[in-house]
Amino acid sequence: MSRVVRTCVALAACASLTACGVQEQDRARLVPSAEIPPGLLPSAAASTRPRAAEVTLYVVDRGRLVPQRAPAERADAEGALLVLLTHDTLGAGRSAVPAATEIRAVRVQGGVLTADLSEPFGLVRGPDQLVAVAQVVWTVTEFPDVDRVLLRVEGEPLDLPVGGGAVSGDPVGRADYRVVGPADEAG
């Protein structure tokens, strides 16, 4: 193919792309679905993307934990913990868990979930510390493979506040937080 013919083909291709509305861009952009021709959109039935799961989070309302459903990528204790730490809207409740808290590691073994969290979690003091730990404990013990919790901060064991002003270095469970637990389960 001669150089002139190749140039003509290239120019024709550019002209046809310009004519159909395709413009050159220096980076990718999100195209609103309203701008995508209907034949190019996948149908709801053809979608293979898994639907998001739902988990129960425990948020704080008037000093007590309140269950609230929230979407999650995974319906397991680690997935619920991740949603608790990153959930922006908590309905009528609030969270005593600092927003900047991140999960460093999670392991479930023998019914005990051990979570290593980032430093902001370890900086919570006073009544909010008890409530923050209670939120984590109640949220992750929604799952049948978890009945007790051990928390670490930046790899170091965290003495967990329990009812009556005591602290524990042992795994804790829901019974340790009944004082702030949901009203229908308080004892």
N, C-alpha and C. Protein backbone atom coordinates (compact mmCIF):
# COMPACT_ATOMS: atom_id res chain seq x y z
N MET A 1 0.86 -1.16 0.00
CA MET A 1 0.00 0.00 0.00
C MET A 1 0.91 1.23 0.00
N SER A 2 0.59 2.18 -0.86
CA SER A 2 1.45 3.36 -0.98
C SER A 2 1.23 4.29 0.20
N ARG A 3 2.18 5.18 0.36
CA ARG A 3 2.14 6.14 1.45
C ARG A 3 0.91 7.05 1.31
N VAL A 4 0.57 7.44 0.12
CA VAL A 4 -0.58 8.31 -0.13
C VAL A 4 -1.87 7.60 0.27
N VAL A 5 -2.00 6.31 -0.09
CA VAL A 5 -3.19 5.56 0.24
C VAL A 5 -3.31 5.42 1.76
N ARG A 6 -2.21 5.11 2.45
CA ARG A 6 -2.23 4.97 3.92
C ARG A 6 -2.64 6.29 4.57
N THR A 7 -2.15 7.38 4.07
CA THR A 7 -2.51 8.68 4.61
C THR A 7 -3.99 8.96 4.41
N CYS A 8 -4.51 8.64 3.24
CA CYS A 8 -5.94 8.84 2.96
C CYS A 8 -6.80 7.98 3.88
N VAL A 9 -6.40 6.75 4.11
CA VAL A 9 -7.14 5.85 5.00
C VAL A 9 -7.13 6.41 6.43
N ALA A 10 -5.98 6.89 6.86
CA ALA A 10 -5.87 7.45 8.21
C ALA A 10 -6.74 8.69 8.35
N LEU A 11 -6.73 9.56 7.35
CA LEU A 11 -7.55 10.75 7.39
C LEU A 11 -9.04 10.41 7.38
N ALA A 12 -9.42 9.42 6.60
CA ALA A 12 -10.82 9.00 6.54
C ALA A 12 -11.26 8.45 7.90
N ALA A 13 -10.39 7.68 8.56
CA ALA A 13 -10.71 7.14 9.88
C ALA A 13 -10.90 8.26 10.89
N CYS A 14 -9.99 9.24 10.85
CA CYS A 14 -10.12 10.38 11.77
C CYS A 14 -11.40 11.15 11.51
N ALA A 15 -11.73 11.36 10.26
CA ALA A 15 -12.95 12.10 9.90
C ALA A 15 -14.18 11.35 10.38
N SER A 16 -14.19 10.03 10.24
CA SER A 16 -15.38 9.29 10.67
C SER A 16 -15.51 9.29 12.19
N LEU A 17 -14.41 9.23 12.92
CA LEU A 17 -14.48 9.29 14.38
C LEU A 17 -14.98 10.66 14.83
N THR A 18 -14.51 11.71 14.18
CA THR A 18 -14.96 13.06 14.53
C THR A 18 -16.43 13.22 14.20
N ALA A 19 -16.86 12.67 13.10
CA ALA A 19 -18.25 12.79 12.68
C ALA A 19 -19.19 12.08 13.63
N CYS A 20 -18.76 11.00 14.27
CA CYS A 20 -19.66 10.26 15.17
C CYS A 20 -19.60 10.78 16.60
N GLY A 21 -18.87 11.86 16.83
CA GLY A 21 -18.88 12.47 18.15
C GLY A 21 -17.78 12.00 19.08
N VAL A 22 -16.88 11.13 18.65
CA VAL A 22 -15.79 10.68 19.49
C VAL A 22 -14.70 11.74 19.44
N GLN A 23 -14.39 12.30 20.60
CA GLN A 23 -13.37 13.34 20.67
C GLN A 23 -12.14 12.80 21.36
N GLU A 24 -11.00 13.32 20.96
CA GLU A 24 -9.74 12.92 21.57
C GLU A 24 -9.69 13.44 22.99
N GLN A 25 -9.21 12.62 23.92
CA GLN A 25 -9.09 13.01 25.32
C GLN A 25 -7.73 12.59 25.82
N ASP A 26 -7.21 13.32 26.79
CA ASP A 26 -5.90 12.96 27.34
C ASP A 26 -6.00 11.97 28.50
N ARG A 27 -7.22 11.69 28.98
CA ARG A 27 -7.41 10.70 30.05
C ARG A 27 -8.83 10.15 30.00
N ALA A 28 -9.02 9.05 30.71
CA ALA A 28 -10.34 8.42 30.74
C ALA A 28 -11.29 9.28 31.54
N ARG A 29 -12.57 9.21 31.22
CA ARG A 29 -13.60 9.91 31.99
C ARG A 29 -14.80 8.99 32.15
N LEU A 30 -15.53 9.20 33.22
CA LEU A 30 -16.75 8.43 33.48
C LEU A 30 -17.85 9.00 32.60
N VAL A 31 -18.50 8.12 31.88
CA VAL A 31 -19.59 8.54 31.00
C VAL A 31 -20.90 8.22 31.71
N PRO A 32 -21.73 9.24 31.96
CA PRO A 32 -23.02 8.98 32.61
C PRO A 32 -23.84 7.99 31.79
N SER A 33 -24.55 7.11 32.44
CA SER A 33 -25.31 6.07 31.73
C SER A 33 -26.33 6.67 30.77
N ALA A 34 -26.80 7.90 31.05
CA ALA A 34 -27.77 8.54 30.15
C ALA A 34 -27.16 8.86 28.79
N GLU A 35 -25.82 8.96 28.72
CA GLU A 35 -25.14 9.28 27.47
C GLU A 35 -24.73 8.03 26.69
N ILE A 36 -24.92 6.86 27.26
CA ILE A 36 -24.52 5.61 26.60
C ILE A 36 -25.71 5.08 25.80
N PRO A 37 -25.49 4.76 24.53
CA PRO A 37 -26.59 4.21 23.73
C PRO A 37 -27.16 2.95 24.39
N PRO A 38 -28.50 2.81 24.39
CA PRO A 38 -29.16 1.69 25.09
C PRO A 38 -28.62 0.31 24.70
N GLY A 39 -28.28 0.11 23.48
CA GLY A 39 -27.78 -1.20 23.05
C GLY A 39 -26.45 -1.57 23.67
N LEU A 40 -25.72 -0.59 24.22
CA LEU A 40 -24.41 -0.86 24.82
C LEU A 40 -24.48 -1.09 26.32
N LEU A 41 -25.60 -0.77 26.94
CA LEU A 41 -25.76 -0.99 28.38
C LEU A 41 -26.16 -2.43 28.66
N PRO A 42 -25.56 -3.06 29.69
CA PRO A 42 -25.97 -4.43 30.02
C PRO A 42 -27.36 -4.41 30.64
N SER A 43 -28.12 -5.45 30.37
CA SER A 43 -29.45 -5.54 31.00
C SER A 43 -29.26 -5.99 32.43
N ALA A 44 -30.25 -5.71 33.26
CA ALA A 44 -30.17 -6.12 34.67
C ALA A 44 -30.06 -7.63 34.78
N ALA A 45 -30.75 -8.36 33.91
CA ALA A 45 -30.71 -9.82 33.97
C ALA A 45 -29.35 -10.36 33.55
N ALA A 46 -28.66 -9.63 32.68
CA ALA A 46 -27.37 -10.12 32.17
C ALA A 46 -26.21 -9.75 33.09
N SER A 47 -26.47 -8.92 34.08
CA SER A 47 -25.40 -8.48 34.95
C SER A 47 -24.85 -9.65 35.76
N THR A 48 -23.54 -9.78 35.78
CA THR A 48 -22.91 -10.86 36.54
C THR A 48 -22.29 -10.34 37.83
N ARG A 49 -22.40 -9.04 38.09
CA ARG A 49 -21.83 -8.48 39.30
C ARG A 49 -22.65 -8.96 40.49
N PRO A 50 -21.98 -9.51 41.53
CA PRO A 50 -22.73 -9.96 42.70
C PRO A 50 -23.36 -8.78 43.42
N ARG A 51 -24.54 -9.01 43.96
CA ARG A 51 -25.21 -7.97 44.73
C ARG A 51 -24.50 -7.82 46.06
N ALA A 52 -24.49 -6.62 46.57
CA ALA A 52 -23.85 -6.36 47.85
C ALA A 52 -24.62 -7.08 48.96
N ALA A 53 -23.89 -7.55 49.92
CA ALA A 53 -24.50 -8.20 51.09
C ALA A 53 -24.92 -7.12 52.08
N GLU A 54 -25.63 -7.52 53.09
CA GLU A 54 -25.97 -6.60 54.18
C GLU A 54 -25.44 -7.17 55.48
N VAL A 55 -25.00 -6.28 56.35
CA VAL A 55 -24.52 -6.67 57.67
C VAL A 55 -25.23 -5.80 58.71
N THR A 56 -25.20 -6.24 59.96
CA THR A 56 -25.75 -5.45 61.05
C THR A 56 -24.60 -4.77 61.77
N LEU A 57 -24.68 -3.45 61.83
CA LEU A 57 -23.72 -2.65 62.59
C LEU A 57 -24.41 -2.23 63.88
N TYR A 58 -23.63 -1.95 64.89
CA TYR A 58 -24.18 -1.40 66.13
C TYR A 58 -23.66 0.01 66.28
N VAL A 59 -24.59 0.97 66.29
CA VAL A 59 -24.27 2.38 66.45
C VAL A 59 -24.80 2.85 67.78
N VAL A 60 -24.46 4.07 68.17
CA VAL A 60 -24.82 4.59 69.48
C VAL A 60 -25.95 5.60 69.36
N ASP A 61 -26.97 5.40 70.16
CA ASP A 61 -28.09 6.34 70.23
C ASP A 61 -28.50 6.46 71.69
N ARG A 62 -28.37 7.67 72.24
CA ARG A 62 -28.71 7.93 73.65
C ARG A 62 -27.98 7.00 74.61
N GLY A 63 -26.70 6.76 74.33
CA GLY A 63 -25.87 5.97 75.23
C GLY A 63 -26.00 4.46 75.11
N ARG A 64 -26.82 3.98 74.19
CA ARG A 64 -27.01 2.53 74.01
C ARG A 64 -26.71 2.15 72.58
N LEU A 65 -26.35 0.90 72.39
CA LEU A 65 -26.13 0.39 71.04
C LEU A 65 -27.47 0.11 70.37
N VAL A 66 -27.53 0.41 69.09
CA VAL A 66 -28.73 0.20 68.30
C VAL A 66 -28.31 -0.51 67.02
N PRO A 67 -28.98 -1.63 66.67
CA PRO A 67 -28.61 -2.32 65.43
C PRO A 67 -29.08 -1.53 64.21
N GLN A 68 -28.28 -1.58 63.17
CA GLN A 68 -28.61 -0.91 61.92
C GLN A 68 -28.06 -1.73 60.77
N ARG A 69 -28.87 -1.97 59.76
CA ARG A 69 -28.44 -2.72 58.57
C ARG A 69 -27.67 -1.80 57.63
N ALA A 70 -26.63 -2.34 57.00
CA ALA A 70 -25.82 -1.55 56.07
C ALA A 70 -25.29 -2.47 54.98
N PRO A 71 -25.11 -1.95 53.76
CA PRO A 71 -24.53 -2.76 52.69
C PRO A 71 -23.05 -3.02 52.95
N ALA A 72 -22.59 -4.19 52.51
CA ALA A 72 -21.19 -4.57 52.68
C ALA A 72 -20.74 -5.38 51.48
N GLU A 73 -19.46 -5.37 51.24
CA GLU A 73 -18.91 -6.20 50.16
C GLU A 73 -18.96 -7.68 50.53
N ARG A 74 -18.75 -7.95 51.84
CA ARG A 74 -18.73 -9.34 52.32
C ARG A 74 -19.60 -9.46 53.55
N ALA A 75 -20.33 -10.55 53.64
CA ALA A 75 -21.18 -10.81 54.81
C ALA A 75 -20.45 -11.72 55.78
N ASP A 76 -19.35 -11.21 56.34
CA ASP A 76 -18.63 -11.94 57.38
C ASP A 76 -18.15 -10.91 58.40
N ALA A 77 -17.52 -11.38 59.47
CA ALA A 77 -17.12 -10.48 60.55
C ALA A 77 -16.15 -9.41 60.07
N GLU A 78 -15.19 -9.78 59.24
CA GLU A 78 -14.23 -8.79 58.74
C GLU A 78 -14.93 -7.76 57.86
N GLY A 79 -15.85 -8.21 57.02
CA GLY A 79 -16.61 -7.29 56.17
C GLY A 79 -17.44 -6.32 57.00
N ALA A 80 -18.07 -6.82 58.07
CA ALA A 80 -18.88 -5.97 58.95
C ALA A 80 -17.99 -4.96 59.69
N LEU A 81 -16.83 -5.41 60.14
CA LEU A 81 -15.91 -4.51 60.83
C LEU A 81 -15.45 -3.40 59.89
N LEU A 82 -15.16 -3.75 58.67
CA LEU A 82 -14.74 -2.75 57.69
C LEU A 82 -15.84 -1.72 57.47
N VAL A 83 -17.09 -2.16 57.36
CA VAL A 83 -18.20 -1.23 57.17
C VAL A 83 -18.36 -0.35 58.41
N LEU A 84 -18.24 -0.92 59.60
CA LEU A 84 -18.36 -0.13 60.83
C LEU A 84 -17.31 0.98 60.86
N LEU A 85 -16.10 0.68 60.41
CA LEU A 85 -15.02 1.67 60.46
C LEU A 85 -15.13 2.71 59.35
N THR A 86 -15.85 2.40 58.28
CA THR A 86 -15.88 3.32 57.13
C THR A 86 -17.26 3.85 56.82
N HIS A 87 -18.27 3.48 57.60
CA HIS A 87 -19.65 3.86 57.30
C HIS A 87 -19.85 5.36 57.52
N ASP A 88 -20.26 6.06 56.46
CA ASP A 88 -20.44 7.52 56.54
C ASP A 88 -21.74 7.91 57.21
N THR A 89 -22.81 7.25 56.86
CA THR A 89 -24.10 7.62 57.43
C THR A 89 -24.54 6.53 58.39
N LEU A 90 -24.85 6.93 59.58
CA LEU A 90 -25.22 5.97 60.62
C LEU A 90 -26.68 6.12 61.03
N GLY A 91 -27.51 6.60 60.14
CA GLY A 91 -28.92 6.75 60.46
C GLY A 91 -29.10 7.66 61.66
N ALA A 92 -29.86 7.20 62.63
CA ALA A 92 -30.13 8.00 63.82
C ALA A 92 -28.98 7.93 64.81
N GLY A 93 -28.04 7.01 64.61
CA GLY A 93 -26.97 6.84 65.59
C GLY A 93 -25.69 7.54 65.22
N ARG A 94 -24.72 7.40 66.11
CA ARG A 94 -23.38 7.93 65.87
C ARG A 94 -22.40 6.81 66.17
N SER A 95 -21.15 7.04 65.89
CA SER A 95 -20.14 6.04 66.19
C SER A 95 -19.13 6.61 67.16
N ALA A 96 -18.75 5.83 68.14
CA ALA A 96 -17.68 6.21 69.07
C ALA A 96 -16.32 5.79 68.50
N VAL A 97 -16.34 5.00 67.43
CA VAL A 97 -15.10 4.56 66.77
C VAL A 97 -14.58 5.71 65.93
N PRO A 98 -13.33 6.14 66.13
CA PRO A 98 -12.79 7.25 65.34
C PRO A 98 -12.83 6.95 63.84
N ALA A 99 -13.24 7.93 63.06
CA ALA A 99 -13.38 7.76 61.62
C ALA A 99 -12.08 7.37 60.93
N ALA A 100 -10.95 7.76 61.48
CA ALA A 100 -9.66 7.47 60.83
C ALA A 100 -9.13 6.07 61.16
N THR A 101 -9.88 5.28 61.93
CA THR A 101 -9.43 3.93 62.30
C THR A 101 -9.41 3.03 61.08
N GLU A 102 -8.32 2.29 60.92
CA GLU A 102 -8.18 1.34 59.82
C GLU A 102 -7.90 -0.05 60.37
N ILE A 103 -8.25 -1.05 59.60
CA ILE A 103 -7.95 -2.44 59.96
C ILE A 103 -6.56 -2.77 59.44
N ARG A 104 -5.68 -3.21 60.33
CA ARG A 104 -4.35 -3.64 59.92
C ARG A 104 -4.35 -5.14 59.65
N ALA A 105 -5.10 -5.90 60.45
CA ALA A 105 -5.19 -7.35 60.27
C ALA A 105 -6.39 -7.87 61.05
N VAL A 106 -6.97 -8.96 60.55
CA VAL A 106 -8.08 -9.63 61.23
C VAL A 106 -7.88 -11.13 61.09
N ARG A 107 -8.14 -11.83 62.19
CA ARG A 107 -8.05 -13.29 62.16
C ARG A 107 -9.15 -13.83 63.06
N VAL A 108 -9.81 -14.88 62.59
CA VAL A 108 -10.81 -15.56 63.42
C VAL A 108 -10.32 -16.98 63.63
N GLN A 109 -10.20 -17.35 64.90
CA GLN A 109 -9.74 -18.71 65.23
C GLN A 109 -10.36 -19.14 66.54
N GLY A 110 -11.01 -20.29 66.53
CA GLY A 110 -11.61 -20.83 67.74
C GLY A 110 -12.67 -19.94 68.35
N GLY A 111 -13.43 -19.24 67.51
CA GLY A 111 -14.48 -18.37 68.01
C GLY A 111 -14.02 -16.99 68.44
N VAL A 112 -12.70 -16.73 68.38
CA VAL A 112 -12.15 -15.44 68.79
C VAL A 112 -11.70 -14.66 67.56
N LEU A 113 -12.25 -13.45 67.40
CA LEU A 113 -11.78 -12.56 66.36
C LEU A 113 -10.71 -11.67 66.98
N THR A 114 -9.53 -11.70 66.39
CA THR A 114 -8.45 -10.80 66.80
C THR A 114 -8.28 -9.77 65.71
N ALA A 115 -8.46 -8.51 66.06
CA ALA A 115 -8.33 -7.42 65.09
C ALA A 115 -7.22 -6.50 65.54
N ASP A 116 -6.33 -6.18 64.61
CA ASP A 116 -5.29 -5.19 64.84
C ASP A 116 -5.74 -3.93 64.13
N LEU A 117 -6.00 -2.88 64.91
CA LEU A 117 -6.52 -1.63 64.36
C LEU A 117 -5.44 -0.55 64.41
N SER A 118 -5.66 0.51 63.67
CA SER A 118 -4.69 1.61 63.63
C SER A 118 -4.80 2.49 64.89
N GLU A 119 -3.82 3.35 65.05
CA GLU A 119 -3.67 4.16 66.26
C GLU A 119 -4.88 4.97 66.69
N PRO A 120 -5.67 5.56 65.81
CA PRO A 120 -6.81 6.35 66.29
C PRO A 120 -7.73 5.59 67.25
N PHE A 121 -7.89 4.29 67.04
CA PHE A 121 -8.76 3.52 67.94
C PHE A 121 -8.19 3.50 69.36
N GLY A 122 -6.89 3.43 69.49
CA GLY A 122 -6.25 3.40 70.80
C GLY A 122 -6.27 4.72 71.53
N LEU A 123 -6.61 5.80 70.84
CA LEU A 123 -6.63 7.13 71.45
C LEU A 123 -7.98 7.48 72.09
N VAL A 124 -8.99 6.63 71.88
CA VAL A 124 -10.32 6.88 72.46
C VAL A 124 -10.22 6.65 73.97
N ARG A 125 -10.77 7.57 74.73
CA ARG A 125 -10.72 7.48 76.20
C ARG A 125 -12.11 7.74 76.78
N GLY A 126 -12.22 7.49 78.07
CA GLY A 126 -13.45 7.78 78.80
C GLY A 126 -14.59 6.88 78.37
N PRO A 127 -15.83 7.37 78.53
CA PRO A 127 -17.01 6.56 78.20
C PRO A 127 -17.04 6.12 76.73
N ASP A 128 -16.49 6.95 75.84
CA ASP A 128 -16.48 6.56 74.42
C ASP A 128 -15.62 5.33 74.16
N GLN A 129 -14.61 5.09 75.00
CA GLN A 129 -13.78 3.89 74.81
C GLN A 129 -14.61 2.63 75.03
N LEU A 130 -15.38 2.59 76.11
CA LEU A 130 -16.24 1.44 76.38
C LEU A 130 -17.23 1.24 75.23
N VAL A 131 -17.84 2.33 74.76
CA VAL A 131 -18.85 2.24 73.71
C VAL A 131 -18.21 1.84 72.38
N ALA A 132 -17.01 2.36 72.07
CA ALA A 132 -16.33 2.00 70.81
C ALA A 132 -16.01 0.51 70.79
N VAL A 133 -15.49 -0.01 71.91
CA VAL A 133 -15.20 -1.45 71.98
C VAL A 133 -16.49 -2.25 71.88
N ALA A 134 -17.54 -1.78 72.57
CA ALA A 134 -18.84 -2.47 72.52
C ALA A 134 -19.37 -2.51 71.08
N GLN A 135 -19.22 -1.41 70.33
CA GLN A 135 -19.67 -1.39 68.93
C GLN A 135 -18.97 -2.49 68.13
N VAL A 136 -17.66 -2.60 68.30
CA VAL A 136 -16.90 -3.62 67.57
C VAL A 136 -17.36 -5.01 68.00
N VAL A 137 -17.43 -5.24 69.30
CA VAL A 137 -17.79 -6.57 69.82
C VAL A 137 -19.18 -6.98 69.34
N TRP A 138 -20.17 -6.12 69.49
CA TRP A 138 -21.54 -6.49 69.09
C TRP A 138 -21.64 -6.67 67.58
N THR A 139 -20.91 -5.85 66.81
CA THR A 139 -20.98 -5.95 65.35
C THR A 139 -20.39 -7.27 64.86
N VAL A 140 -19.21 -7.64 65.33
CA VAL A 140 -18.56 -8.85 64.79
C VAL A 140 -19.12 -10.13 65.37
N THR A 141 -19.76 -10.07 66.55
CA THR A 141 -20.33 -11.28 67.12
C THR A 141 -21.72 -11.58 66.56
N GLU A 142 -22.15 -10.83 65.57
CA GLU A 142 -23.37 -11.17 64.82
C GLU A 142 -23.16 -12.46 64.03
N PHE A 143 -21.92 -12.84 63.80
CA PHE A 143 -21.59 -14.00 62.96
C PHE A 143 -21.33 -15.22 63.82
N PRO A 144 -21.83 -16.38 63.40
CA PRO A 144 -21.75 -17.57 64.24
C PRO A 144 -20.33 -18.06 64.54
N ASP A 145 -19.36 -17.65 63.72
CA ASP A 145 -17.99 -18.10 63.97
C ASP A 145 -17.24 -17.21 64.95
N VAL A 146 -17.88 -16.16 65.47
CA VAL A 146 -17.24 -15.23 66.41
C VAL A 146 -18.11 -15.07 67.65
N ASP A 147 -17.53 -15.39 68.83
CA ASP A 147 -18.27 -15.12 70.05
C ASP A 147 -17.47 -14.27 71.04
N ARG A 148 -16.18 -14.09 70.77
CA ARG A 148 -15.34 -13.25 71.63
C ARG A 148 -14.39 -12.44 70.75
N VAL A 149 -13.84 -11.37 71.33
CA VAL A 149 -13.01 -10.44 70.56
C VAL A 149 -11.77 -10.06 71.37
N LEU A 150 -10.64 -10.00 70.68
CA LEU A 150 -9.39 -9.43 71.21
C LEU A 150 -9.01 -8.29 70.27
N LEU A 151 -8.64 -7.16 70.83
CA LEU A 151 -8.24 -6.03 69.98
C LEU A 151 -6.79 -5.67 70.26
N ARG A 152 -6.12 -5.28 69.19
CA ARG A 152 -4.75 -4.77 69.26
C ARG A 152 -4.77 -3.42 68.56
N VAL A 153 -3.81 -2.58 68.93
CA VAL A 153 -3.62 -1.31 68.25
C VAL A 153 -2.16 -1.24 67.83
N GLU A 154 -1.97 -1.11 66.54
CA GLU A 154 -0.62 -1.08 65.96
C GLU A 154 0.22 -2.27 66.45
N GLY A 155 -0.42 -3.44 66.56
CA GLY A 155 0.27 -4.66 66.93
C GLY A 155 0.38 -4.92 68.43
N GLU A 156 0.06 -3.93 69.24
CA GLU A 156 0.17 -4.07 70.69
C GLU A 156 -1.19 -4.44 71.29
N PRO A 157 -1.22 -5.39 72.26
CA PRO A 157 -2.49 -5.75 72.91
C PRO A 157 -3.13 -4.53 73.55
N LEU A 158 -4.44 -4.48 73.49
CA LEU A 158 -5.20 -3.37 74.09
C LEU A 158 -6.00 -3.92 75.26
N ASP A 159 -5.78 -3.34 76.45
CA ASP A 159 -6.62 -3.71 77.58
C ASP A 159 -8.00 -3.12 77.32
N LEU A 160 -9.00 -3.98 77.32
CA LEU A 160 -10.35 -3.57 76.95
C LEU A 160 -11.18 -3.23 78.17
N PRO A 161 -11.85 -2.06 78.15
CA PRO A 161 -12.72 -1.72 79.27
C PRO A 161 -13.94 -2.64 79.24
N VAL A 162 -14.34 -3.07 80.41
CA VAL A 162 -15.55 -3.88 80.54
C VAL A 162 -16.42 -3.23 81.61
N GLY A 163 -17.63 -3.72 81.80
CA GLY A 163 -18.55 -3.13 82.77
C GLY A 163 -17.93 -2.97 84.15
N GLY A 164 -18.37 -1.96 84.89
CA GLY A 164 -17.91 -1.74 86.25
C GLY A 164 -16.56 -1.05 86.35
N GLY A 165 -16.03 -0.53 85.26
CA GLY A 165 -14.77 0.18 85.28
C GLY A 165 -13.53 -0.71 85.22
N ALA A 166 -13.71 -2.01 85.11
CA ALA A 166 -12.58 -2.92 85.03
C ALA A 166 -12.04 -2.97 83.60
N VAL A 167 -10.84 -3.53 83.45
CA VAL A 167 -10.26 -3.77 82.12
C VAL A 167 -9.88 -5.23 82.01
N SER A 168 -9.82 -5.70 80.77
CA SER A 168 -9.50 -7.11 80.54
C SER A 168 -8.50 -7.23 79.39
N GLY A 169 -7.54 -8.10 79.57
CA GLY A 169 -6.61 -8.44 78.50
C GLY A 169 -7.03 -9.73 77.81
N ASP A 170 -8.11 -10.34 78.32
CA ASP A 170 -8.64 -11.58 77.76
C ASP A 170 -9.68 -11.25 76.69
N PRO A 171 -10.03 -12.24 75.87
CA PRO A 171 -11.10 -12.01 74.89
C PRO A 171 -12.40 -11.62 75.61
N VAL A 172 -13.14 -10.69 75.00
CA VAL A 172 -14.39 -10.20 75.57
C VAL A 172 -15.54 -10.56 74.65
N GLY A 173 -16.75 -10.59 75.22
CA GLY A 173 -17.94 -10.92 74.44
C GLY A 173 -19.06 -9.95 74.76
N ARG A 174 -20.22 -10.22 74.22
CA ARG A 174 -21.37 -9.34 74.40
C ARG A 174 -21.74 -9.14 75.87
N ALA A 175 -21.62 -10.18 76.67
CA ALA A 175 -22.00 -10.07 78.08
C ALA A 175 -21.19 -8.99 78.79
N ASP A 176 -19.97 -8.73 78.34
CA ASP A 176 -19.13 -7.70 78.96
C ASP A 176 -19.63 -6.29 78.66
N TYR A 177 -20.57 -6.16 77.71
CA TYR A 177 -21.04 -4.84 77.28
C TYR A 177 -22.56 -4.70 77.33
N ARG A 178 -23.19 -5.53 78.14
CA ARG A 178 -24.66 -5.46 78.28
C ARG A 178 -25.10 -4.10 78.80
N VAL A 179 -24.24 -3.45 79.60
CA VAL A 179 -24.58 -2.15 80.17
C VAL A 179 -24.86 -1.10 79.08
N VAL A 180 -24.26 -1.24 77.90
CA VAL A 180 -24.53 -0.32 76.80
C VAL A 180 -25.17 -1.03 75.61
N GLY A 181 -25.45 -2.32 75.78
CA GLY A 181 -26.05 -3.10 74.69
C GLY A 181 -27.45 -2.62 74.36
N PRO A 182 -28.02 -3.15 73.29
CA PRO A 182 -29.38 -2.75 72.90
C PRO A 182 -30.33 -2.90 74.09
N ALA A 183 -31.26 -1.97 74.20
CA ALA A 183 -32.19 -1.94 75.33
C ALA A 183 -32.94 -3.24 75.51
N ASP A 184 -33.30 -3.92 74.40
CA ASP A 184 -34.06 -5.17 74.52
C ASP A 184 -33.19 -6.35 74.97
N GLU A 185 -31.87 -6.15 75.06
CA GLU A 185 -30.98 -7.23 75.50
C GLU A 185 -30.21 -6.86 76.75
N ALA A 186 -30.46 -5.70 77.32
CA ALA A 186 -29.75 -5.27 78.51
C ALA A 186 -30.18 -6.12 79.70
N GLY A 187 -29.24 -6.36 80.55
CA GLY A 187 -29.60 -7.18 81.70
C GLY A 187 -29.20 -6.54 82.91
